[in-house]
């Protein structure tokens, strides 16, 4: 009996260690060594052990491949197989799923890490908000980092030394100083951080990791996934909000991303285009993970998702972590002394200089839209340097976004009962309610009526245009250099420009007209030569092609038949070779002893072999004679 031997990897390759450096939320770094088969969960546990963090399901590790495309490290797969960059590996510890209810976070350490992430989001322009909310967020950051205002230590322009926002005007700095002096005095660092998290939670851009895309008109839009659902931002407005309960499927093909849902009892399909297929797949995986995390009640309800409806095509992915409800339930069961929170000293950390850090920022390849954009934004600078949007652009008629009253009003803050309420959380609930700038609280039925009334209106989220270019480009790009539009700019002339040039040239236009005339003449001849049966068959094919479900079903059956045929063409000859060989295996020996195989061997196989050998011998004799 012959044995098959497989070459085993050398012990040296298995024991070889690779250095991994992980940058934390305060821009400090920790390092560890991993082996070839070390999975991503080991790195996540290593960071959580460094922090002594238990509520770790909200966090993840992000890395950037050599093409400057960002990815989330998969905890269930080996790190070396995911990383395409050269050693040593560089990664970042970030918040992956933003808590939908920050008040239910049990430990102060988890709130502090969420605060650090939100501070980064504010600085990089991802957490865009109105002027009043921006001033309050900045004041909370200053109170948490510097403490109470002291006229002896803080000069009149002390805010100018701290870069909190991508566009930090003098008016905004004065408002931050005013709130810091008058409203936040006496608050501890933990209380100020929690107030900042609570206010950020009420904003439209809370938890949004923006993905730059192009819509069907060629206009730039930012796609994101939140605890509520799928959102789209354009200009300074949130133009789309599709709740997770209404999203039926997310899929992608190449550079095109599709969101299929139900809106007002009608099927809705939104289409967007990314710059690269890798960016589109990353966008799809983020959507699948967020939908599973926020929508499912248990992790056992999570299903494997395919990127396409067609049989044997597309990517398949399944989120393998815990869902939001399970995380909150696990947090309520934590019974230990609160861990020590080591707060970083406030200063100009490397995160503020990350605009020029080329290795940790995602880059987008140039994308040429298929059609020229018909929607142009008109921006005018006001007296205080704030950019206002004149006209909003709608992608399609979608569900009415919530009104400003619903989004600005956080509602009464109800602290959880029992021993889970910490003094800091209870005090934050009182302070946050008192410092809500007198925003009206509206009952739920009234909010529903306002939603119906504003069904055709986009929701303004800020006076500034949503343009988080700092987190998208590898190098800083100023507005006068193109801003986010530089992501999709191309040194090659666009198709729209080429079409305009063709229409401007009379000679090329005449050639195109002659080619079209020849095509029309050929089509007339082909139509006249068709028989009656051919016409009936073509009409039937057109009827099938017009039906999307029938077309998809036929294509799936064709793919299945092709795969089965290919498998048989490989398996059957291989089995015949094994049966006619001298390999002594028990199941092969039993097949050889059957009467059917004996009949096949003597009546078909032997004559066929003699015929093939005879033809080969004649061909060789003829070749040698020549």
Foldseek 3Di string as FASTA:
>chain_A
DDDDDDDDDDPCQQPDWFKEWEQELLRDIDIDIDGQFQFQLVVLVVVCVVLVHDLSPQKFKWFAAPQQAIATGDRVGGPVVVHRDDPPGYIYIAGLADALDVLLQQFLQVLVSVLSRVQLCQALLLLDFALVLNLLLLLLVCCLQPNADDCVVAPPQNCVQDRRHPDCFPVSSNSNVVCRHPQCHPDYNSLSSVLSVLQSSLAPSPPFPWQWWAFQQRAIWTWGAHLQGIWIAFWQFTQDDDGLVFFDAWADDWQKTWTWGAFPNDIDIGIIGFQGSVSRVNVRVSRLQSSQQNPDQWLVPWDWHFRDPFPPDGDIDTDRDTHNNVSSVVSVPDDDDHDDHDDDRDHCHCSVVQQQAQRGAGAAAAAFRQHHHPDDWDWDADPRRFIATDDDDHSDQGFQDFAPLVSLDPPQDDNDDDPSDDPSSVVSSVSSVVPSVPRDDDDPVVRVVRSVVRGRPIGRRYRGTSQSQSRHHSHDDDVVRPGPVVRHDDPDDHPNVVVVVCVVDVVSVVVVVVVVVVVVVVVVVVVVPDDPVNVVVVVVVVVQVVDPVSVSVVSNVVVVVVVVVVVCVPVVVVLVVVLPDPDDDDVSVVVCPDPVNVCCCVPPVVVVVVVVVVVVVVVVVVVVVD
